[in-house]
N, C-alpha and C. Protein backbone atom coordinates (compact mmCIF):
# COMPACT_ATOMS: atom_id res chain seq x y z
N MET A 1 17.65 0.56 50.67
CA MET A 1 17.47 -0.58 51.50
C MET A 1 16.47 -0.17 52.27
N THR A 2 15.48 -1.34 52.67
CA THR A 2 14.20 -0.72 53.18
C THR A 2 14.58 -1.82 54.22
N GLU A 3 13.75 -1.07 55.56
CA GLU A 3 13.67 -2.04 56.47
C GLU A 3 13.50 -3.45 56.76
N VAL A 4 12.37 -3.58 55.61
CA VAL A 4 12.19 -5.19 55.77
C VAL A 4 13.85 -6.40 55.05
N THR A 5 14.44 -5.44 53.89
CA THR A 5 15.87 -5.97 54.08
C THR A 5 16.49 -5.81 55.07
N VAL A 6 16.99 -5.20 55.36
CA VAL A 6 17.83 -5.03 56.50
C VAL A 6 17.29 -6.78 57.69
N LEU A 7 15.71 -6.45 57.88
CA LEU A 7 15.47 -7.91 58.95
C LEU A 7 15.84 -8.88 58.21
N VAL A 8 15.81 -9.11 56.71
CA VAL A 8 16.30 -10.13 56.29
C VAL A 8 17.58 -10.62 56.22
N LEU A 9 18.39 -9.65 56.00
CA LEU A 9 19.83 -9.58 56.00
C LEU A 9 20.09 -9.73 57.70
N TYR A 10 19.10 -9.76 58.82
CA TYR A 10 19.59 -10.42 60.29
C TYR A 10 19.16 -10.94 60.54
N GLY A 11 18.07 -11.86 59.91
CA GLY A 11 17.86 -13.34 59.82
C GLY A 11 19.10 -13.84 59.36
N PHE A 12 19.61 -13.29 58.21
CA PHE A 12 20.81 -14.60 57.68
C PHE A 12 22.06 -13.94 59.10
N LEU A 13 22.01 -13.25 59.44
CA LEU A 13 23.15 -12.89 59.91
C LEU A 13 22.97 -13.99 61.77
N VAL A 14 21.60 -13.74 62.07
CA VAL A 14 21.40 -15.13 63.02
C VAL A 14 21.38 -16.57 62.92
N ILE A 15 21.26 -16.53 61.88
CA ILE A 15 21.86 -18.33 60.91
C ILE A 15 23.47 -18.62 60.97
N VAL A 16 24.31 -17.35 60.26
CA VAL A 16 25.37 -17.59 60.24
C VAL A 16 26.18 -17.64 62.05
N THR A 17 25.54 -17.31 62.99
CA THR A 17 25.53 -17.15 64.26
C THR A 17 25.09 -18.60 65.02
N LEU A 18 24.15 -19.16 64.71
CA LEU A 18 23.94 -20.73 64.93
C LEU A 18 24.99 -21.18 64.39
N LEU A 19 25.02 -21.34 62.95
CA LEU A 19 26.08 -21.88 62.30
C LEU A 19 27.54 -22.23 62.90
N LEU A 20 28.03 -20.64 63.47
CA LEU A 20 29.26 -21.08 63.79
C LEU A 20 29.39 -21.55 65.43
N GLN A 21 28.03 -21.32 65.80
CA GLN A 21 27.88 -21.87 67.64
C GLN A 21 27.77 -22.97 67.34
N ALA A 22 27.04 -23.32 66.74
CA ALA A 22 26.91 -25.29 66.40
C ALA A 22 28.30 -25.72 66.08
N THR A 23 29.11 -25.14 65.47
CA THR A 23 30.78 -25.66 64.72
C THR A 23 31.07 -25.76 65.89
N GLY A 24 31.29 -24.41 66.87
CA GLY A 24 32.06 -24.38 68.08
C GLY A 24 32.00 -25.31 68.93
N ALA A 25 30.24 -25.70 69.32
CA ALA A 25 29.53 -26.88 70.07
C ALA A 25 30.12 -28.51 69.82
N MET A 26 30.13 -28.59 68.40
CA MET A 26 30.64 -29.78 67.93
C MET A 26 32.04 -29.98 68.26
N THR A 27 32.91 -29.14 67.63
CA THR A 27 34.50 -29.41 68.27
C THR A 27 34.68 -29.55 69.51
N GLN A 28 34.21 -29.11 70.25
CA GLN A 28 34.40 -29.32 71.76
C GLN A 28 33.66 -30.46 72.77
N LEU A 29 32.73 -30.72 72.05
CA LEU A 29 31.30 -31.72 72.74
C LEU A 29 31.77 -32.77 71.71
N GLY A 30 31.47 -32.91 70.53
CA GLY A 30 31.70 -33.93 69.21
C GLY A 30 30.15 -34.12 69.40
N MET A 31 29.97 -34.89 67.95
CA MET A 31 29.21 -35.16 66.92
C MET A 31 28.05 -36.05 68.61
N GLY A 32 28.47 -37.12 68.39
CA GLY A 32 27.76 -38.22 69.28
C GLY A 32 27.46 -37.54 70.77
N TYR A 33 27.11 -36.61 71.12
CA TYR A 33 26.96 -35.86 72.15
C TYR A 33 25.71 -34.68 71.37
N LEU A 34 26.22 -34.38 70.86
CA LEU A 34 25.20 -33.13 70.41
C LEU A 34 23.81 -34.13 69.18
N LEU A 35 23.93 -34.90 68.89
CA LEU A 35 23.25 -36.27 68.62
C LEU A 35 22.07 -36.76 69.53
N GLY A 36 22.86 -36.93 71.00
CA GLY A 36 22.11 -38.09 71.45
C GLY A 36 21.05 -37.04 72.51
N SER A 37 20.61 -37.47 73.22
CA SER A 37 19.77 -36.99 73.76
C SER A 37 20.34 -35.64 75.14
N ARG A 38 21.52 -35.65 75.02
CA ARG A 38 21.94 -34.55 75.92
C ARG A 38 21.50 -34.52 77.59
N ASP A 39 21.00 -35.75 78.18
CA ASP A 39 20.86 -35.50 79.41
C ASP A 39 22.23 -35.02 80.02
N GLU A 40 23.08 -35.79 79.93
CA GLU A 40 24.37 -35.22 81.03
C GLU A 40 24.44 -33.87 80.54
N GLY A 41 24.84 -33.39 81.42
CA GLY A 41 24.73 -31.75 80.99
C GLY A 41 26.46 -30.98 81.25
N ARG A 42 27.11 -30.92 79.50
CA ARG A 42 27.84 -30.40 79.10
C ARG A 42 27.77 -28.85 79.06
N THR A 43 29.27 -28.24 79.48
CA THR A 43 29.01 -26.54 78.41
C THR A 43 30.40 -26.45 77.25
N VAL A 44 30.54 -25.41 76.96
CA VAL A 44 31.04 -25.43 76.08
C VAL A 44 32.07 -24.64 77.05
N GLU A 45 33.23 -24.12 76.36
CA GLU A 45 34.11 -22.74 77.02
C GLU A 45 34.98 -22.00 76.12
N GLY A 46 35.32 -20.55 76.45
CA GLY A 46 35.39 -20.16 75.47
C GLY A 46 34.84 -19.18 74.14
N ILE A 47 35.38 -19.43 73.03
CA ILE A 47 35.11 -18.71 72.27
C ILE A 47 33.72 -19.26 71.76
N ALA A 48 33.53 -20.68 71.81
CA ALA A 48 32.62 -21.41 71.71
C ALA A 48 31.36 -20.79 72.35
N ALA A 49 31.69 -21.24 73.92
CA ALA A 49 30.72 -20.38 74.89
C ALA A 49 30.13 -18.72 75.12
N ARG A 50 31.16 -17.80 74.24
CA ARG A 50 30.50 -16.25 74.26
C ARG A 50 29.91 -16.96 72.33
N LEU A 51 29.95 -17.61 71.63
CA LEU A 51 28.94 -17.29 70.33
C LEU A 51 27.64 -18.23 70.77
N GLU A 52 27.43 -18.56 71.82
CA GLU A 52 26.31 -19.02 72.68
C GLU A 52 25.38 -17.83 73.20
N ARG A 53 26.81 -17.26 74.26
CA ARG A 53 25.53 -16.37 74.20
C ARG A 53 25.25 -15.14 73.73
N ALA A 54 26.18 -14.91 72.57
CA ALA A 54 26.12 -13.85 71.14
C ALA A 54 24.68 -14.53 70.52
N LEU A 55 24.50 -15.41 70.35
CA LEU A 55 23.33 -16.15 69.95
C LEU A 55 22.49 -15.51 70.36
N ASN A 56 21.87 -16.14 71.85
CA ASN A 56 20.96 -16.09 72.41
C ASN A 56 20.50 -14.62 72.45
N ASN A 57 21.88 -13.81 72.41
CA ASN A 57 21.47 -11.92 72.69
C ASN A 57 21.08 -12.03 71.27
N SER A 58 21.06 -12.62 70.48
CA SER A 58 20.78 -11.75 68.75
C SER A 58 19.29 -12.68 68.82
N ILE A 59 18.92 -13.56 69.14
CA ILE A 59 17.72 -13.57 69.16
C ILE A 59 16.99 -12.92 69.85
N THR A 60 17.02 -12.30 70.97
CA THR A 60 16.44 -11.14 71.93
C THR A 60 16.47 -9.87 71.18
N ALA A 61 17.60 -9.91 70.49
CA ALA A 61 17.86 -8.68 69.66
C ALA A 61 16.50 -9.08 68.47
N MET A 62 16.46 -9.88 68.13
CA MET A 62 15.14 -10.05 66.56
C MET A 62 13.97 -9.52 67.19
N VAL A 63 13.86 -10.09 68.67
CA VAL A 63 12.55 -10.30 69.28
C VAL A 63 11.68 -8.92 69.05
N LEU A 64 13.05 -8.06 69.44
CA LEU A 64 12.67 -6.54 69.66
C LEU A 64 12.86 -6.17 68.48
N PHE A 65 13.45 -6.00 67.72
CA PHE A 65 13.89 -5.78 65.75
C PHE A 65 12.44 -5.97 65.03
N ALA A 66 12.20 -7.05 64.60
CA ALA A 66 11.57 -7.77 64.23
C ALA A 66 9.33 -6.79 64.55
N PRO A 67 9.34 -7.11 65.50
CA PRO A 67 8.01 -5.79 65.23
C PRO A 67 8.46 -4.92 64.95
N ALA A 68 9.39 -3.93 65.57
CA ALA A 68 9.55 -2.38 64.62
C ALA A 68 9.48 -2.44 63.53
N VAL A 69 10.18 -2.98 62.73
CA VAL A 69 10.45 -3.19 61.66
C VAL A 69 8.61 -3.13 61.23
N LEU A 70 7.93 -4.70 61.38
CA LEU A 70 6.86 -5.03 60.52
C LEU A 70 5.49 -3.52 61.15
N LEU A 71 5.73 -3.01 62.30
CA LEU A 71 5.07 -2.00 63.10
C LEU A 71 5.36 -0.87 61.79
N VAL A 72 6.87 0.17 61.79
CA VAL A 72 6.82 0.65 60.25
C VAL A 72 5.82 0.60 59.08
N VAL A 73 6.31 -0.94 58.99
CA VAL A 73 5.39 -1.05 57.56
C VAL A 73 3.92 -1.30 57.53
N VAL A 74 3.61 -1.63 58.26
CA VAL A 74 2.14 -1.69 58.58
C VAL A 74 1.42 -0.22 58.75
N THR A 75 2.40 0.70 59.40
CA THR A 75 1.36 1.63 59.84
C THR A 75 1.86 2.58 58.63
N ASP A 76 2.79 2.07 58.07
CA ASP A 76 3.36 3.27 56.65
C ASP A 76 4.53 4.13 57.40
N SER A 77 4.81 4.20 57.92
CA SER A 77 5.84 5.29 59.03
C SER A 77 6.97 5.38 58.06
N SER A 78 7.82 4.53 57.25
CA SER A 78 8.89 4.54 56.82
C SER A 78 9.19 5.86 56.35
N ASN A 79 10.64 6.13 57.03
CA ASN A 79 10.86 7.80 56.42
C ASN A 79 12.29 7.44 56.51
N ASN A 80 13.23 8.27 56.33
CA ASN A 80 15.22 8.39 56.07
C ASN A 80 15.66 8.35 57.60
N GLN A 81 14.95 8.51 58.54
CA GLN A 81 15.08 7.82 59.87
C GLN A 81 14.82 6.45 60.65
N THR A 82 14.04 6.21 59.61
CA THR A 82 13.52 4.67 60.06
C THR A 82 14.96 3.73 59.47
N VAL A 83 14.64 4.29 58.41
CA VAL A 83 15.94 3.30 57.24
C VAL A 83 16.77 3.55 57.56
N LEU A 84 17.26 4.60 58.16
CA LEU A 84 18.90 4.75 59.06
C LEU A 84 19.45 4.17 59.90
N ALA A 85 18.00 4.06 60.63
CA ALA A 85 18.27 3.09 62.59
C ALA A 85 18.21 2.07 62.04
N ALA A 86 17.57 1.13 61.19
CA ALA A 86 17.51 0.10 60.48
C ALA A 86 19.27 -0.21 60.08
N GLN A 87 19.77 0.38 59.55
CA GLN A 87 20.96 0.20 58.81
C GLN A 87 21.68 0.14 59.94
N ALA A 88 21.71 1.17 60.78
CA ALA A 88 22.99 1.43 62.49
C ALA A 88 22.44 0.50 62.75
N PHE A 89 20.99 -0.20 63.56
CA PHE A 89 20.95 -1.70 63.74
C PHE A 89 22.24 -2.54 63.24
N LEU A 90 21.42 -2.92 61.77
CA LEU A 90 22.15 -3.99 61.30
C LEU A 90 23.84 -4.00 61.76
N ILE A 91 24.49 -2.84 61.33
CA ILE A 91 25.92 -2.48 61.60
C ILE A 91 26.30 -2.67 62.82
N ALA A 92 25.25 -2.47 63.99
CA ALA A 92 25.74 -2.86 65.57
C ALA A 92 25.87 -4.11 65.44
N ARG A 93 25.02 -4.76 65.10
CA ARG A 93 24.77 -6.36 65.13
C ARG A 93 26.33 -6.91 64.26
N LEU A 94 26.67 -6.56 63.24
CA LEU A 94 27.53 -7.01 62.53
C LEU A 94 28.70 -6.56 63.40
N VAL A 95 29.22 -5.73 64.31
CA VAL A 95 30.08 -5.26 65.03
C VAL A 95 30.21 -5.93 66.62
N TYR A 96 28.55 -6.37 66.73
CA TYR A 96 28.72 -6.98 68.03
C TYR A 96 28.89 -8.67 68.21
N LEU A 97 28.73 -9.42 67.04
CA LEU A 97 28.99 -10.53 66.85
C LEU A 97 30.22 -10.86 67.08
N PRO A 98 31.77 -10.84 65.84
CA PRO A 98 32.80 -10.43 66.22
C PRO A 98 33.33 -10.53 67.48
N SER A 99 32.54 -8.21 67.96
CA SER A 99 33.45 -8.48 69.28
C SER A 99 33.17 -9.02 70.24
N TYR A 100 31.94 -9.86 70.65
CA TYR A 100 31.85 -10.43 71.78
C TYR A 100 32.55 -11.62 71.52
N ALA A 101 32.31 -12.39 69.99
CA ALA A 101 33.45 -13.84 70.02
C ALA A 101 34.81 -13.65 70.37
N PHE A 102 35.46 -12.38 70.17
CA PHE A 102 36.31 -12.52 70.66
C PHE A 102 36.91 -12.03 71.70
N GLY A 103 35.66 -11.44 72.34
CA GLY A 103 35.97 -10.90 74.16
C GLY A 103 36.33 -9.61 73.94
N ILE A 104 36.04 -8.75 72.82
CA ILE A 104 36.27 -7.23 72.77
C ILE A 104 35.47 -6.41 74.32
N THR A 105 34.90 -6.40 74.86
CA THR A 105 34.15 -6.05 75.74
C THR A 105 33.31 -4.72 75.53
N GLY A 106 34.25 -3.49 75.42
CA GLY A 106 34.31 -2.30 75.00
C GLY A 106 33.32 -1.46 73.58
N ILE A 107 33.78 -2.53 72.82
CA ILE A 107 33.17 -2.29 71.40
C ILE A 107 31.94 -3.22 71.68
N ARG A 108 32.01 -4.53 72.08
CA ARG A 108 30.71 -5.29 72.25
C ARG A 108 29.63 -4.21 72.72
N SER A 109 29.29 -4.03 74.18
CA SER A 109 28.87 -2.82 74.50
C SER A 109 28.10 -1.90 73.86
N LEU A 110 28.90 -1.10 73.32
CA LEU A 110 28.54 0.41 72.67
C LEU A 110 27.81 -0.29 71.36
N ALA A 111 28.02 -1.47 70.61
CA ALA A 111 27.44 -2.40 69.37
C ALA A 111 25.81 -2.37 69.92
N TRP A 112 25.94 -3.00 71.24
CA TRP A 112 24.73 -3.40 71.87
C TRP A 112 23.67 -2.61 71.94
N THR A 113 24.48 -1.35 72.77
CA THR A 113 23.43 0.11 73.15
C THR A 113 23.27 0.73 71.75
N THR A 114 24.12 0.66 70.72
CA THR A 114 23.83 1.29 69.72
C THR A 114 22.12 0.69 68.66
N GLY A 115 22.41 -0.61 68.92
CA GLY A 115 21.62 -1.24 68.03
C GLY A 115 19.98 -1.40 68.93
N LEU A 116 20.37 -1.21 70.20
CA LEU A 116 19.19 -1.21 70.92
C LEU A 116 18.46 0.19 71.17
N LEU A 117 19.07 0.89 71.01
CA LEU A 117 19.05 2.52 70.41
C LEU A 117 18.03 2.36 69.36
N ALA A 118 18.66 2.29 68.28
CA ALA A 118 18.30 2.47 66.46
C ALA A 118 16.81 1.75 66.47
N THR A 119 16.42 0.17 67.75
CA THR A 119 15.47 -0.21 67.73
C THR A 119 14.70 1.08 68.29
N ALA A 120 14.79 0.90 69.40
CA ALA A 120 14.16 2.21 70.08
C ALA A 120 13.60 3.37 69.01
N LEU A 121 14.52 3.65 68.33
CA LEU A 121 13.83 5.15 67.43
C LEU A 121 12.78 4.47 66.48
N MET A 122 12.93 3.31 66.09
CA MET A 122 12.04 2.79 65.04
C MET A 122 10.54 2.72 65.85
N TYR A 123 10.55 2.50 66.77
CA TYR A 123 9.24 2.26 67.89
C TYR A 123 8.35 3.69 68.01
N PHE A 124 9.08 4.80 68.35
CA PHE A 124 9.18 6.31 68.58
C PHE A 124 8.63 6.48 67.29
N GLN A 125 9.12 6.38 66.08
CA GLN A 125 8.70 6.81 64.63
C GLN A 125 7.29 6.22 64.30
N VAL A 126 7.08 5.11 64.78
CA VAL A 126 5.38 4.44 65.10
C VAL A 126 4.43 5.35 65.61
N LEU A 127 5.12 5.97 66.29
CA LEU A 127 3.93 6.81 67.43
C LEU A 127 3.26 8.20 66.45
């Protein structure tokens, strides 16, 4: 598996997160509200709210991870460490999503930290 393949798989995970979050919001807020202008500020609660925060965090992680992958490819810096780092990132994010959704804070924080460190390692490999 290459770093680019991991990036594509992570893109799919973000899409799944978006769909789960939208489904939760639709359940709590109703389709009419979501299709409207949303001038009236409503919020979701529980798992739907945690999925919303997880989605925001996943997008932030993508903003950091995607350039790391692209830099590895463009500079021809791919090696066993960058592939392993990319795989660790993906596994960490796969653990992060359900642990955030179900409120498992210790595991969530460990997964977040693992993903961030894996991304940083990829940047260091480009130097």
